[in-house]
Structures are given as C-alpha cells and as structure tokens.
N, C-alpha and C. Protein backbone atom coordinates (compact mmCIF):
# COMPACT_ATOMS: atom_id res chain seq x y z
N MET A 1 101.04 104.06 85.37
CA MET A 1 101.31 103.55 86.36
C MET A 1 100.35 102.71 86.39
N ILE A 2 100.80 101.42 86.87
CA ILE A 2 100.20 100.39 87.25
C ILE A 2 99.15 100.08 88.29
N GLU A 3 97.46 100.41 88.32
CA GLU A 3 97.09 100.59 89.51
C GLU A 3 97.12 99.33 90.49
N GLU A 4 97.05 98.27 90.17
CA GLU A 4 96.97 97.16 90.74
C GLU A 4 98.26 96.62 91.60
N CYS A 5 99.40 97.51 90.87
CA CYS A 5 101.21 97.15 91.40
C CYS A 5 101.23 97.82 92.92
N PRO A 6 101.62 97.32 93.66
CA PRO A 6 101.79 97.89 95.17
C PRO A 6 102.98 99.11 95.15
N VAL A 7 103.81 99.04 93.94
CA VAL A 7 105.31 99.76 94.15
C VAL A 7 105.32 100.03 92.21
N ASN A 8 105.19 101.07 92.21
CA ASN A 8 105.35 101.92 90.64
C ASN A 8 107.03 102.87 90.51
N ILE A 9 107.78 102.01 90.14
CA ILE A 9 108.88 103.14 89.84
C ILE A 9 108.81 104.01 88.84
N GLU A 10 109.19 105.24 88.58
CA GLU A 10 109.28 106.18 87.82
C GLU A 10 110.47 106.57 86.67
N CYS A 11 110.70 106.04 85.82
CA CYS A 11 112.28 106.23 85.46
C CYS A 11 112.41 106.97 83.87
N LYS A 12 113.43 107.48 83.85
CA LYS A 12 113.40 108.49 82.45
C LYS A 12 114.71 107.87 81.81
N VAL A 13 114.56 107.54 80.44
CA VAL A 13 115.82 106.93 79.83
C VAL A 13 117.09 107.59 79.93
N ALA A 14 117.86 107.21 80.56
CA ALA A 14 119.40 107.98 80.44
C ALA A 14 119.65 107.74 79.01
N HIS A 15 120.33 106.20 78.96
CA HIS A 15 121.22 105.93 77.63
C HIS A 15 120.60 104.84 77.09
N ILE A 16 120.71 104.69 75.88
CA ILE A 16 120.24 103.40 75.34
C ILE A 16 121.44 102.59 74.61
N LEU A 17 122.11 101.42 74.78
CA LEU A 17 123.64 101.10 74.46
C LEU A 17 123.30 99.75 73.16
N THR A 18 123.37 99.55 72.37
CA THR A 18 123.22 98.76 70.68
C THR A 18 124.19 97.60 71.27
N LEU A 19 123.71 96.73 71.73
CA LEU A 19 124.43 95.47 72.05
C LEU A 19 124.32 94.48 71.17
N GLY A 20 125.03 94.51 70.03
CA GLY A 20 124.58 93.16 69.06
C GLY A 20 123.17 93.51 68.39
N THR A 21 122.40 92.49 68.19
CA THR A 21 120.83 92.62 68.08
C THR A 21 120.07 93.29 69.27
N HIS A 22 120.77 93.84 70.31
CA HIS A 22 119.65 94.11 71.49
C HIS A 22 120.37 95.52 72.06
N GLU A 23 119.00 95.46 72.65
CA GLU A 23 119.23 97.25 73.07
C GLU A 23 119.41 97.13 74.82
N PHE A 24 120.58 97.85 75.13
CA PHE A 24 120.24 97.51 76.87
C PHE A 24 119.93 99.30 77.20
N VAL A 25 119.09 99.28 77.80
CA VAL A 25 118.12 100.39 78.57
C VAL A 25 118.51 100.88 79.99
N ILE A 26 119.73 101.83 80.27
CA ILE A 26 119.67 102.22 81.34
C ILE A 26 118.94 103.57 82.03
N GLY A 27 117.97 103.27 82.65
CA GLY A 27 117.56 104.40 83.23
C GLY A 27 117.69 105.13 84.44
N GLN A 28 117.26 106.54 84.69
CA GLN A 28 117.33 107.05 86.07
C GLN A 28 115.84 107.55 86.81
N VAL A 29 116.05 106.70 87.95
CA VAL A 29 115.01 106.58 88.96
C VAL A 29 114.46 108.43 89.13
N GLU A 30 112.71 108.55 88.82
CA GLU A 30 112.48 110.02 89.13
C GLU A 30 111.89 110.42 90.30
N ALA A 31 110.83 109.10 90.74
CA ALA A 31 109.91 108.71 91.37
C ALA A 31 109.68 107.34 91.78
N VAL A 32 109.33 107.01 93.14
CA VAL A 32 108.85 105.97 93.50
C VAL A 32 107.72 106.26 93.97
N HIS A 33 106.43 105.61 93.64
CA HIS A 33 105.22 105.58 94.34
C HIS A 33 104.85 104.04 94.90
N VAL A 34 104.35 104.21 96.35
CA VAL A 34 104.11 103.45 96.92
C VAL A 34 102.67 103.46 97.57
N SER A 35 101.79 102.29 97.07
CA SER A 35 100.28 102.65 97.61
C SER A 35 100.34 102.57 99.30
N GLU A 36 99.30 103.18 99.79
CA GLU A 36 99.34 103.75 101.63
C GLU A 36 99.19 102.09 101.91
N ASP A 37 98.57 101.22 101.65
CA ASP A 37 98.49 100.10 102.47
C ASP A 37 99.79 99.46 102.48
N CYS A 38 100.81 99.56 101.73
CA CYS A 38 102.00 98.79 101.60
C CYS A 38 103.08 99.90 102.71
N MET A 39 102.30 100.43 103.26
CA MET A 39 103.31 101.48 104.49
C MET A 39 103.24 101.39 105.66
N THR A 40 104.29 101.31 106.56
CA THR A 40 103.71 101.26 107.78
C THR A 40 103.70 102.62 108.47
N GLY A 41 103.62 102.96 109.45
CA GLY A 41 103.55 104.40 110.10
C GLY A 41 104.84 105.16 109.90
N GLY A 42 105.88 104.46 110.18
CA GLY A 42 107.02 104.91 110.43
C GLY A 42 107.64 105.40 108.68
N ASN A 43 106.87 105.10 107.58
CA ASN A 43 106.96 105.55 106.20
C ASN A 43 108.01 104.65 105.78
N GLN A 44 107.94 103.64 106.91
CA GLN A 44 108.59 102.31 105.36
C GLN A 44 107.93 101.27 104.79
N THR A 45 108.26 101.15 103.80
CA THR A 45 107.66 100.00 102.88
C THR A 45 107.26 98.07 103.86
N ARG A 46 106.22 97.84 103.97
CA ARG A 46 106.48 96.93 104.18
C ARG A 46 106.36 95.42 103.47
N LYS A 47 107.56 94.74 103.58
CA LYS A 47 107.94 93.72 102.73
C LYS A 47 106.88 92.83 101.86
N ASP A 48 106.26 92.17 103.49
CA ASP A 48 105.02 91.85 103.02
C ASP A 48 104.09 91.96 102.26
N LYS A 49 103.91 93.09 102.41
CA LYS A 49 102.88 93.76 101.20
C LYS A 49 103.17 94.09 100.03
N ALA A 50 104.98 94.66 99.74
CA ALA A 50 105.21 95.00 98.16
C ALA A 50 106.39 94.01 98.34
N PHE A 51 106.24 93.15 97.47
CA PHE A 51 106.95 91.95 97.51
C PHE A 51 107.95 92.33 96.51
N PRO A 52 109.06 92.55 96.45
CA PRO A 52 110.13 93.14 95.60
C PRO A 52 110.18 91.67 94.63
N LEU A 53 110.07 91.49 93.64
CA LEU A 53 110.57 90.44 92.39
C LEU A 53 111.37 90.70 91.50
N CYS A 54 112.53 90.38 90.86
CA CYS A 54 113.24 90.54 89.87
C CYS A 54 113.39 89.55 88.90
N ALA A 55 113.95 89.68 87.94
CA ALA A 55 114.83 88.36 86.63
C ALA A 55 116.46 89.31 87.01
N ARG A 56 116.64 87.80 86.82
CA ARG A 56 118.25 88.01 86.30
C ARG A 56 119.00 87.17 85.23
N HIS A 57 120.09 87.54 84.99
CA HIS A 57 120.42 86.99 83.33
C HIS A 57 120.70 85.63 83.44
N ARG A 58 120.55 85.04 85.13
CA ARG A 58 120.95 83.76 85.29
C ARG A 58 119.46 83.07 84.96
N ARG A 59 118.63 83.36 83.91
CA ARG A 59 117.09 83.24 84.09
C ARG A 59 116.42 82.63 85.04
N GLU A 60 116.40 83.35 86.04
CA GLU A 60 115.88 82.81 87.35
C GLU A 60 115.39 84.40 87.93
N TYR A 61 113.77 83.72 88.86
CA TYR A 61 113.20 85.27 89.66
C TYR A 61 113.80 84.84 91.16
N ARG A 62 114.26 86.40 91.89
CA ARG A 62 114.59 86.45 92.86
C ARG A 62 113.97 87.61 93.54
N SER A 63 114.05 87.45 94.94
CA SER A 63 113.46 88.36 95.65
C SER A 63 114.59 88.67 96.97
N LEU A 64 114.22 89.63 97.90
CA LEU A 64 114.86 89.82 98.89
C LEU A 64 115.49 88.75 99.80
N GLY A 65 114.42 87.39 99.70
CA GLY A 65 114.65 86.54 100.45
C GLY A 65 115.69 85.52 99.95
N GLY A 66 115.96 85.76 98.46
CA GLY A 66 116.60 84.59 97.63
C GLY A 66 116.14 84.10 96.28
N HIS A 67 116.18 83.14 95.79
CA HIS A 67 115.78 82.21 94.62
C HIS A 67 114.12 82.01 94.96
N LEU A 68 113.60 82.32 93.90
CA LEU A 68 111.77 81.85 93.71
C LEU A 68 111.68 81.11 93.11
N ALA A 69 112.52 81.37 91.73
CA ALA A 69 111.92 80.33 90.80
C ALA A 69 113.00 80.02 89.07
N GLN A 70 112.71 79.28 88.83
CA GLN A 70 113.70 79.38 87.28
C GLN A 70 112.73 79.88 86.49
N ALA A 71 112.99 81.15 85.78
CA ALA A 71 112.18 82.11 84.73
C ALA A 71 111.97 81.05 83.68
N TYR A 72 110.90 81.15 83.11
CA TYR A 72 110.76 80.88 81.40
C TYR A 72 109.86 79.28 81.29
N SER A 73 110.48 78.60 83.10
CA SER A 73 109.96 77.26 83.12
C SER A 73 108.80 77.37 84.38
N VAL A 74 108.74 78.26 84.88
CA VAL A 74 107.85 78.19 85.91
C VAL A 74 106.43 78.36 85.39
N GLY A 75 106.39 78.82 84.58
CA GLY A 75 105.00 79.63 84.06
C GLY A 75 104.47 78.33 83.24
N LYS A 76 104.92 77.38 83.03
CA LYS A 76 104.00 76.30 82.29
C LYS A 76 103.72 75.10 83.22
N GLU A 77 104.02 75.65 84.62
CA GLU A 77 103.31 74.40 85.49
C GLU A 77 101.77 74.99 85.89
N LEU A 78 101.33 76.67 85.50
CA LEU A 78 100.36 77.25 85.19
C LEU A 78 99.57 76.42 84.25
N LYS A 79 99.87 75.46 83.30
CA LYS A 79 99.01 75.14 82.08
C LYS A 79 98.12 74.06 82.61
C-alpha cells in the first residue's frame, strides 16, 4: 500500500487477456483501506478528503464531478 494515498484498493488478478500487443488485466477487489482522517463518524468516506480520480480510454482524467483534464497533455503545464 502507498502510505500517502488516502484510499488503497487491494486487488487479486482474476484474468489477463492478451489483446494484440497489449494485455488487459481484470482484477477482483479483495479489500479497501481508507485513512481514518478521510472517514466521517458514520463510517462514510469524505469525498473532499479522498478525491476519487480515474483515467478513461478517451485520454481524460475524471472524478465524481466530471471531467478534470486531458490526460498526457495536462502534465506539460507543470514544466
């Protein structure tokens, strides 16, 4: 697990499919570990502390609120 990451998802590889020159890995979630400071008293995850982020096949980063940035190009702004 990554200590600085507020949410860690522990997965087990279920299948690996070879698709041309790439492999598509399908995982089964075994456990979810959430830092205590990201939880509410009612055992809910605080979205303002544990900000979910994902990359999509359309080369964009998204969160629960929608589109965040274009993948691969947004990092160039940091230089």
